[in-house]
Amino acid sequence: MHVPLWFVVIVVAVLGIQLARPPWWLVVLLLLGGYLVANSFLAPAVAGLLG
């Protein structure tokens, strides 16, 4: 069975939000921060730290 990565990410995110119940501002902050870091000059450094 071949499942697209974007679908898996959405399912895990929805389940995580439902089970952990974080505040919505924290979810938005993490998504926005991740997007901004991925498109900045810090992206290679973050990629090196993550693996």
Protein backbone atom coordinates (compact mmCIF):
# COMPACT_ATOMS: atom_id res chain seq x y z
CA MET A 1 0.00 0.00 0.00
CA HIS A 2 1.44 3.32 -1.10
CA VAL A 3 0.26 6.33 0.93
CA PRO A 4 1.36 9.88 0.02
CA LEU A 5 3.49 11.65 2.62
CA TRP A 6 1.25 14.73 2.76
CA PHE A 7 -1.72 12.51 3.68
CA VAL A 8 0.20 10.83 6.50
CA VAL A 9 1.34 14.21 7.84
CA ILE A 10 -2.24 15.51 7.86
CA VAL A 11 -3.58 12.39 9.62
CA VAL A 12 -0.84 12.49 12.28
CA ALA A 13 -1.39 16.22 12.82
CA VAL A 14 -5.16 15.84 13.23
CA LEU A 15 -4.78 12.91 15.63
CA GLY A 16 -2.10 14.78 17.61
CA ILE A 17 -4.28 17.86 17.92
CA GLN A 18 -7.29 15.79 19.01
CA LEU A 19 -5.36 13.71 21.54
CA ALA A 20 -2.99 16.30 23.01
CA ARG A 21 -5.35 19.32 22.80
CA PRO A 22 -2.66 22.02 22.43
CA PRO A 23 -3.83 25.63 22.19
CA TRP A 24 -4.50 26.73 18.61
CA TRP A 25 -2.07 29.64 18.87
CA LEU A 26 0.73 27.16 19.59
CA VAL A 27 -0.18 25.06 16.54
CA VAL A 28 -0.20 28.16 14.32
CA LEU A 29 3.06 29.41 15.83
CA LEU A 30 4.83 26.09 15.18
CA LEU A 31 3.54 25.87 11.61
CA LEU A 32 4.49 29.45 10.81
CA GLY A 33 7.88 29.13 12.52
CA GLY A 34 8.67 25.91 10.66
CA TYR A 35 7.72 27.50 7.34
CA LEU A 36 9.84 30.58 8.00
CA VAL A 37 12.89 28.58 9.12
CA ALA A 38 12.61 26.24 6.12
CA ASN A 39 12.78 29.22 3.76
CA SER A 40 15.58 31.07 5.53
CA PHE A 41 19.36 30.88 5.59
CA LEU A 42 19.02 28.72 8.73
CA ALA A 43 17.55 25.81 6.76
CA PRO A 44 20.89 24.01 6.16
CA ALA A 45 21.81 24.30 9.85
CA VAL A 46 18.43 22.94 10.96
CA ALA A 47 18.67 20.10 8.43
CA GLY A 48 22.11 19.24 9.79
CA LEU A 49 20.76 19.09 13.34
CA LEU A 50 17.81 16.91 12.41
CA GLY A 51 19.74 14.29 10.61
